Structure formats: structure tokens, C-alpha cells
Amino acid sequence: MQGADQPFYLIIIGGLVLLLAYSVLLYHRSEFYNRQFRARYFKLIETANTYLFEYDVKEDELRLSLPCARLLHLPQVIPKYLKGHFQASDPEAAKGLEYIDTAMKLQSGSRQLRIERQDKSLGVFKVYSETFNESGSKPVYIMGLFADVTTEFLQQEKWATRAQIDGLTKVYNAGTCRQQLSDVISSFEGTSSAAFIILDVDHFKMVNDKLGHQTGDRVLQVLARTLKSTLRQTDFIGRLGGDEFCIYLGRVPSREFVAGLCARLNGAVTRAMAEEKIGMDITVSIGAGLHKAGENFKQVYERADQALYEAKEAGRNTFAVRGE
């Protein structure tokens, strides 16, 4: 290289060194600002009582907002997270680590978890997680959020329950009866029997015409309440429409057992109506159909309906049982 060319190359080399130094400075300044931004972001998140966590892949460090740390019973900063240097000192902290691990594995999307809050109430939390990569495909940060959706969850459950329950009598409505019982009956297995029972109010039209529809509604409410108090909590009770109610008993021991239950129901309803002083004697007619595996809802319903017709033909305020 000739002496005259050396200054030119020295200028180029010097320029490259300055450019590199400036790039390093920008990188560190960017890292500084990123950390400052995330620190301010976490502070803002804490004031909103949001449960946020961040995992720094390079540093192997887990950071949690204060509400998140309190919720999961963990420290706000856990260094060497994947290396397992932090040992949970109690079962609640160990469970908190499981929740974080579940969230980290999401990578993207969400999942619903039930977590005990600090006041010992059980909350429903939706967990979101997202992985942030460098310009290539190397992950840099994993950020996640535990969103308390308990109120929304309970509201949805309330709406679902309303859709299933008859508003007047508080037993299952007609649509739910047909849908659930169709599934239960079609999937019934084994050699034992089950029972489907239909009952309705004797001369219910006369009750409405003579005493009014408000009294008629009261009769239906008393009937539903009596069925609930006479039957087990596990027995299915529904209103098929008007004054027609149904009961489903899984795996009954015998035909005599079903007949005895129907007799008790006749007596219980008559006594309950008398105690209410409705203004006239109120009784019910009952039809029970036994069924075994391999039948569908239509077949079972028709058998019980035929038994109900027999009870009405026999003078009402009685019952009939069909099937073996």
C-alpha cells in the first residue's frame, strides 16, 4: 500500500470504528429506554390492579407486577427462573409457579384458570400469553396477563341457568327437558330399569276459569315445590308445558318402588294444596313408564302418556304404571 493512500484507508477504518461505537451506544441506549419503558409500564399496570408477568429470555428472569405476585404468592422478581434456583417455600407459591408455567406454554392465545384470591374467594382468570422475537426468530420476551373474569363468568352462568329454568316454577323448562332427557334415555345402559313420570293438575282449566290465572300460577308453583321436597335432589324435575310436569328416575329397583313413589306424590300434592287454601280441592293424575336400554325419548314419553291416560280414566287423583 503506497503512503499516499494510507490516510484514505485510515479515514475509512476510523469511520467504521465510529459507526460501530455509535451503533453500540444506540443499542445500549435502546436497551436503557426499553427497560425504563417497561418499568414505567409495570408501574402503570400495578395502579390498574392488573396481573401481569414478563419473562426475559436472555436474563432468564421472571418479573411480576405487584398484584400478580400477591395473587400467585411469588416474589416480584425471580432470577434464573428456568434453572430452577427459586424454590417455593409453601404449597401456594408452588401452585403459583404452575400457573406461570401454564401461561408460558401458551405462547399465544388464552386459557381459563380458577385461582384462589387473597381473600380466599375462588376467582376465574383468563390467561393470555405472547412471545416477542428479535428481527429473526429468536425469542426475547414472553409477556402474559391474568385477567380476572369472575364477574363475566358468573353472569354467563346465570344466563345459561335462566335459559334452562322455567321462570314460573323454577324447574327445568320444556326445551331442556326434551334435550337432556333425550340424551340420558338414549345413552341408558345395563339390565336395570329407569322411570319416566308425567303428571298434570286435574281439571286445571276449571281452576283458571273459576279462580283466575294468578291462582292457576300459584297452583303450579305449589306443585313444583312439592315435587322438589318429595323427591331427591338428584332426580330430574321439569315442566313440559302448561300444567304438565315430568320426573326422571335413573335405575329404579322395581315397578313396586315406582308405584309407591307415585302414591306418595298423590298424597303430598293433595295435602300441600289443602294447606295453601287455594279455594278448591286440587289433585294430580300421574302416569309412569318404565324403560330399559335401547329406547328413545319418544318411546318412553308415549308409554308414560298412556299410563297418564289410564289414571285419568280411573277417576283422576291416582296413578298408573306401564312397562316392566
Protein backbone atom coordinates (compact mmCIF):
# COMPACT_ATOMS: atom_id res chain seq x y z
CA MET A 1 0.00 0.00 0.00
CA GLN A 2 1.50 3.35 -1.02
CA GLY A 3 1.96 6.10 1.55
CA ALA A 4 -0.37 8.47 -0.30
CA ASP A 5 -3.28 6.01 0.07
CA GLN A 6 -2.84 5.39 3.81
CA PRO A 7 -4.74 8.48 5.05
CA PHE A 8 -7.73 7.47 2.91
CA TYR A 9 -7.87 3.97 4.37
CA LEU A 10 -7.30 5.33 7.87
CA ILE A 11 -10.30 7.61 7.39
CA ILE A 12 -12.45 4.66 6.29
CA ILE A 13 -11.32 2.49 9.20
CA GLY A 14 -11.82 5.36 11.61
CA GLY A 15 -15.28 5.95 10.23
CA LEU A 16 -16.22 2.30 10.62
CA VAL A 17 -14.96 2.33 14.23
CA LEU A 18 -17.01 5.45 14.97
CA LEU A 19 -20.06 3.93 13.31
CA LEU A 20 -19.67 0.74 15.34
CA ALA A 21 -19.22 2.72 18.54
CA TYR A 22 -22.30 4.80 17.72
CA SER A 23 -24.32 1.62 16.99
CA VAL A 24 -23.26 0.12 20.32
CA LEU A 25 -24.23 3.36 22.04
CA LEU A 26 -27.63 3.34 20.34
CA TYR A 27 -28.14 -0.30 21.28
CA HIS A 28 -27.37 0.31 24.94
CA ARG A 29 -29.44 3.47 24.92
CA SER A 30 -32.29 1.47 23.33
CA GLU A 31 -31.91 -1.20 25.99
CA PHE A 32 -31.93 1.50 28.67
CA TYR A 33 -35.06 3.10 27.25
CA ASN A 34 -36.73 -0.31 26.85
CA ARG A 35 -36.06 -1.10 30.48
CA GLN A 36 -37.22 2.33 31.56
CA PHE A 37 -40.37 1.96 29.46
CA ARG A 38 -41.14 -1.49 30.84
CA ALA A 39 -40.54 -0.26 34.39
CA ARG A 40 -42.99 2.60 33.84
CA TYR A 41 -45.40 0.21 32.13
CA PHE A 42 -45.32 -2.19 35.08
CA LYS A 43 -45.90 0.74 37.44
CA LEU A 44 -48.93 1.82 35.41
CA ILE A 45 -50.22 -1.75 35.29
CA GLU A 46 -49.96 -2.03 39.08
CA THR A 47 -52.16 1.03 39.58
CA ALA A 48 -54.81 -0.68 37.44
CA ASN A 49 -54.59 -3.80 39.65
CA THR A 50 -53.70 -5.92 36.62
CA TYR A 51 -51.92 -9.24 36.96
CA LEU A 52 -49.01 -9.03 34.53
CA PHE A 53 -45.80 -11.02 34.19
CA GLU A 54 -42.77 -10.76 31.90
CA TYR A 55 -40.06 -13.32 31.25
CA ASP A 56 -36.71 -12.06 29.99
CA VAL A 57 -35.30 -14.94 27.93
CA LYS A 58 -31.72 -13.62 27.80
CA GLU A 59 -31.51 -12.94 31.53
CA ASP A 60 -33.64 -15.99 32.46
CA GLU A 61 -35.52 -13.65 34.77
CA LEU A 62 -39.23 -13.61 35.61
CA ARG A 63 -40.81 -10.32 36.67
CA LEU A 64 -44.30 -9.90 38.03
CA SER A 65 -46.43 -6.87 38.73
CA LEU A 66 -47.18 -6.46 42.44
CA PRO A 67 -50.84 -7.62 42.14
CA CYS A 68 -49.71 -10.67 40.15
CA ALA A 69 -47.03 -11.51 42.72
CA ARG A 70 -49.57 -11.25 45.52
CA LEU A 71 -52.13 -13.33 43.64
CA LEU A 72 -49.65 -16.15 42.96
CA HIS A 73 -47.77 -15.85 46.29
CA LEU A 74 -44.47 -15.26 44.48
CA PRO A 75 -41.72 -12.61 44.68
CA GLN A 76 -41.86 -9.85 42.08
CA VAL A 77 -38.51 -10.86 40.57
CA ILE A 78 -37.33 -14.45 40.16
CA PRO A 79 -33.79 -14.65 38.69
CA LYS A 80 -32.61 -17.83 36.95
CA TYR A 81 -36.23 -18.91 36.57
CA LEU A 82 -35.77 -21.83 34.16
CA LYS A 83 -32.67 -23.01 36.00
CA GLY A 84 -34.91 -23.54 38.99
CA HIS A 85 -32.91 -21.53 41.51
CA PHE A 86 -36.13 -20.33 43.17
CA GLN A 87 -37.63 -22.93 45.47
CA ALA A 88 -41.26 -22.45 46.51
CA SER A 89 -41.45 -22.32 50.29
CA ASP A 90 -45.15 -23.22 50.54
CA PRO A 91 -47.85 -25.00 48.51
CA GLU A 92 -49.45 -21.72 47.41
CA ALA A 93 -46.19 -20.49 45.86
CA ALA A 94 -45.67 -23.88 44.20
CA LYS A 95 -49.16 -23.59 42.73
CA GLY A 96 -48.31 -20.06 41.57
CA LEU A 97 -45.31 -21.40 39.66
CA GLU A 98 -47.60 -23.96 37.99
CA TYR A 99 -49.92 -21.16 36.84
CA ILE A 100 -46.96 -19.22 35.41
CA ASP A 101 -45.68 -22.35 33.69
CA THR A 102 -49.11 -22.94 32.16
CA ALA A 103 -49.23 -19.36 30.91
CA MET A 104 -45.69 -19.50 29.48
CA LYS A 105 -46.53 -22.63 27.48
CA LEU A 106 -49.44 -20.89 25.77
CA GLN A 107 -47.06 -18.83 23.60
CA SER A 108 -50.17 -17.22 22.14
CA GLY A 109 -53.89 -17.48 22.77
CA SER A 110 -55.63 -17.85 26.12
CA ARG A 111 -56.82 -20.33 28.73
CA GLN A 112 -59.20 -20.15 31.69
CA LEU A 113 -57.98 -20.99 35.21
CA ARG A 114 -59.56 -20.98 38.67
CA ILE A 115 -57.28 -19.28 41.20
CA GLU A 116 -57.86 -18.57 44.87
CA ARG A 117 -57.64 -14.83 45.56
CA GLN A 118 -56.03 -13.27 48.63
CA ASP A 119 -59.40 -13.09 50.40
CA LYS A 120 -59.70 -16.88 49.87
CA SER A 121 -62.52 -16.47 47.34
CA LEU A 122 -62.20 -18.52 44.16
CA GLY A 123 -61.75 -16.38 41.06
CA VAL A 124 -61.94 -17.24 37.38
CA PHE A 125 -58.97 -15.87 35.44
CA LYS A 126 -58.33 -15.81 31.72
CA VAL A 127 -54.62 -16.19 30.98
CA TYR A 128 -53.11 -14.54 27.91
CA SER A 129 -49.52 -15.01 26.76
CA GLU A 130 -47.46 -13.73 23.83
CA THR A 131 -43.86 -14.32 22.77
CA PHE A 132 -41.88 -11.41 21.31
CA ASN A 133 -38.98 -12.23 19.00
CA GLU A 134 -35.98 -10.35 17.64
CA SER A 135 -35.83 -9.48 13.95
CA GLY A 136 -35.08 -13.13 13.38
CA SER A 137 -36.89 -15.93 15.16
CA LYS A 138 -35.07 -15.82 18.49
CA PRO A 139 -37.48 -15.15 21.40
CA VAL A 140 -36.60 -12.16 23.58
CA TYR A 141 -39.55 -11.73 25.93
CA ILE A 142 -42.66 -13.64 26.94
CA MET A 143 -45.35 -11.42 28.36
CA GLY A 144 -48.54 -12.65 29.97
CA LEU A 145 -51.64 -11.40 31.69
CA PHE A 146 -54.02 -12.93 34.24
CA ALA A 147 -57.37 -11.20 33.67
CA ASP A 148 -59.99 -11.60 36.41
CA VAL A 149 -63.17 -12.53 34.51
CA THR A 150 -65.11 -13.88 37.52
CA THR A 151 -67.97 -11.38 37.18
CA GLU A 152 -68.41 -12.11 33.47
CA PHE A 153 -68.17 -15.87 34.10
CA LEU A 154 -70.87 -15.78 36.80
CA GLN A 155 -73.09 -13.65 34.57
CA GLN A 156 -72.76 -16.14 31.72
CA GLU A 157 -73.59 -18.99 34.12
CA LYS A 158 -76.63 -17.04 35.29
CA TRP A 159 -77.78 -16.52 31.71
CA ALA A 160 -77.26 -20.21 30.94
CA THR A 161 -79.26 -21.18 34.02
CA ARG A 162 -82.05 -18.80 33.05
CA ALA A 163 -82.19 -20.44 29.64
CA GLN A 164 -82.66 -23.85 31.29
CA ILE A 165 -85.09 -22.98 34.09
CA ASP A 166 -88.82 -22.30 33.81
CA GLY A 167 -89.37 -18.79 35.13
CA LEU A 168 -92.62 -19.53 36.99
CA THR A 169 -91.92 -22.86 38.67
CA LYS A 170 -88.09 -22.84 38.86
CA VAL A 171 -87.78 -26.38 37.48
CA TYR A 172 -86.29 -27.31 34.10
CA ASN A 173 -88.17 -25.85 31.14
CA ALA A 174 -89.63 -27.82 28.23
CA GLY A 175 -86.68 -27.40 25.88
CA THR A 176 -84.20 -28.53 28.50
CA CYS A 177 -86.40 -31.49 29.44
CA ARG A 178 -86.51 -32.80 25.90
CA GLN A 179 -82.85 -32.17 25.16
CA GLN A 180 -81.37 -33.56 28.37
CA LEU A 181 -83.77 -36.48 28.74
CA SER A 182 -83.31 -37.46 25.10
CA ASP A 183 -79.57 -37.75 25.74
CA VAL A 184 -79.99 -39.57 29.08
CA ILE A 185 -82.56 -42.05 27.80
CA SER A 186 -80.74 -42.87 24.56
CA SER A 187 -77.48 -43.48 26.45
CA PHE A 188 -79.09 -45.59 29.22
CA GLU A 189 -77.28 -48.92 29.58
CA GLY A 190 -77.47 -52.08 31.62
CA THR A 191 -80.22 -54.53 32.50
CA SER A 192 -81.88 -52.43 35.22
CA SER A 193 -84.86 -50.14 34.61
CA ALA A 194 -85.39 -46.39 34.79
CA ALA A 195 -88.66 -44.48 35.10
CA PHE A 196 -90.15 -41.51 33.28
CA ILE A 197 -93.17 -39.98 35.00
CA ILE A 198 -95.71 -37.45 33.70
CA LEU A 199 -98.23 -35.70 35.93
CA ASP A 200 -100.70 -32.89 35.45
CA VAL A 201 -103.27 -30.99 37.51
CA ASP A 202 -106.77 -32.44 37.46
CA HIS A 203 -109.30 -30.02 35.93
CA PHE A 204 -106.69 -27.27 35.66
CA LYS A 205 -108.80 -25.32 33.15
CA MET A 206 -111.54 -25.13 35.76
CA VAL A 207 -109.02 -23.71 38.25
CA ASN A 208 -108.08 -20.93 35.83
CA ASP A 209 -111.69 -20.22 34.83
CA LYS A 210 -113.09 -20.22 38.37
CA LEU A 211 -110.23 -18.74 40.41
CA GLY A 212 -108.23 -16.84 37.80
CA HIS A 213 -104.84 -17.29 36.13
CA GLN A 214 -102.93 -15.87 39.09
CA THR A 215 -104.31 -18.65 41.27
CA GLY A 216 -103.53 -21.10 38.47
CA ASP A 217 -99.90 -19.93 38.51
CA ARG A 218 -99.85 -20.34 42.28
CA VAL A 219 -101.08 -23.93 41.92
CA LEU A 220 -98.23 -24.70 39.52
CA GLN A 221 -95.69 -23.16 41.91
CA VAL A 222 -97.00 -25.19 44.85
CA LEU A 223 -96.90 -28.34 42.71
CA ALA A 224 -93.28 -27.73 41.69
CA ARG A 225 -92.30 -27.00 45.30
CA THR A 226 -93.98 -30.20 46.48
CA LEU A 227 -92.19 -32.30 43.87
CA LYS A 228 -88.85 -30.86 44.95
CA SER A 229 -89.50 -31.54 48.64
CA THR A 230 -90.71 -35.11 47.99
CA LEU A 231 -88.04 -36.23 45.54
CA ARG A 232 -84.26 -36.46 45.86
CA GLN A 233 -82.03 -33.62 44.69
CA THR A 234 -80.56 -35.95 42.05
CA ASP A 235 -83.98 -36.66 40.50
CA PHE A 236 -84.83 -34.70 37.35
CA ILE A 237 -87.92 -32.46 37.55
CA GLY A 238 -89.22 -30.42 34.63
CA ARG A 239 -92.24 -28.60 33.26
CA LEU A 240 -93.19 -29.82 29.81
CA GLY A 241 -95.74 -27.05 29.29
CA GLY A 242 -98.98 -25.74 30.81
CA ASP A 243 -99.77 -27.86 33.86
CA GLU A 244 -97.81 -30.91 32.64
CA PHE A 245 -94.70 -31.82 34.63
CA CYS A 246 -92.24 -34.68 34.28
CA ILE A 247 -89.86 -36.61 36.54
CA TYR A 248 -86.99 -38.90 35.55
CA LEU A 249 -85.59 -41.54 37.92
CA GLY A 250 -82.47 -43.42 36.88
CA ARG A 251 -82.10 -47.11 37.75
CA VAL A 252 -85.20 -47.78 39.85
CA PRO A 253 -85.16 -51.06 41.82
CA SER A 254 -88.63 -52.28 40.86
CA ARG A 255 -92.08 -51.50 39.47
CA GLU A 256 -93.40 -51.56 43.06
CA PHE A 257 -90.92 -48.83 44.04
CA VAL A 258 -92.23 -46.56 41.26
CA ALA A 259 -95.85 -47.28 42.22
CA GLY A 260 -95.10 -46.42 45.85
CA LEU A 261 -93.47 -43.14 44.84
CA CYS A 262 -96.46 -42.17 42.66
CA ALA A 263 -98.81 -42.87 45.56
CA ARG A 264 -96.72 -40.65 47.87
CA LEU A 265 -96.77 -37.88 45.27
CA ASN A 266 -100.57 -38.06 45.01
CA GLY A 267 -100.89 -37.67 48.76
CA ALA A 268 -98.19 -34.99 49.12
CA VAL A 269 -99.69 -32.77 46.41
CA THR A 270 -103.23 -33.06 47.83
CA ARG A 271 -102.01 -32.10 51.34
CA ALA A 272 -99.86 -29.21 50.07
CA MET A 273 -102.74 -27.75 48.07
CA ALA A 274 -105.09 -28.03 51.05
CA GLU A 275 -102.58 -26.19 53.27
CA GLU A 276 -102.38 -23.39 50.71
CA LYS A 277 -106.17 -22.87 50.88
CA ILE A 278 -106.43 -22.45 47.13
CA GLY A 279 -110.22 -22.24 47.16
CA MET A 280 -110.99 -25.69 45.75
CA ASP A 281 -109.61 -29.21 46.03
CA ILE A 282 -106.53 -29.65 43.83
CA THR A 283 -105.25 -33.10 42.87
CA VAL A 284 -102.96 -34.56 40.21
CA SER A 285 -103.03 -37.59 37.91
CA ILE A 286 -99.76 -39.46 37.35
CA GLY A 287 -98.51 -41.78 34.60
CA ALA A 288 -95.23 -43.66 34.92
CA GLY A 289 -93.40 -45.55 32.21
CA LEU A 290 -90.55 -47.95 32.94
CA HIS A 291 -87.85 -48.31 30.32
CA LYS A 292 -84.65 -50.22 29.66
CA ALA A 293 -81.65 -49.71 27.43
CA GLY A 294 -82.19 -49.28 23.70
CA GLU A 295 -85.21 -46.96 23.77
CA ASN A 296 -85.54 -43.30 22.81
CA PHE A 297 -87.33 -40.35 24.38
CA LYS A 298 -90.38 -40.63 22.10
CA GLN A 299 -90.99 -44.26 23.03
CA VAL A 300 -90.59 -43.61 26.75
CA TYR A 301 -92.77 -40.48 26.67
CA GLU A 302 -95.59 -42.30 24.85
CA ARG A 303 -95.55 -45.12 27.43
CA ALA A 304 -95.84 -42.66 30.33
CA ASP A 305 -98.52 -40.71 28.46
CA GLN A 306 -100.58 -43.87 28.01
CA ALA A 307 -100.25 -44.55 31.74
CA LEU A 308 -101.40 -40.99 32.47
CA TYR A 309 -104.48 -41.57 30.29
CA GLU A 310 -105.26 -44.72 32.29
CA ALA A 311 -105.02 -42.74 35.55
CA LYS A 312 -107.48 -40.14 34.24
CA GLU A 313 -109.85 -42.86 33.04
CA ALA A 314 -109.70 -44.40 36.51
CA GLY A 315 -111.16 -41.23 38.04
CA ARG A 316 -108.11 -38.94 38.44
CA ASN A 317 -106.19 -38.24 41.67
CA THR A 318 -104.44 -41.57 41.12
CA PHE A 319 -101.62 -43.11 39.11
CA ALA A 320 -100.84 -45.90 36.63
CA VAL A 321 -97.55 -47.61 35.77
CA ARG A 322 -96.74 -49.20 32.42
CA GLY A 323 -93.73 -51.28 31.43
CA GLU A 324 -91.67 -53.95 33.12
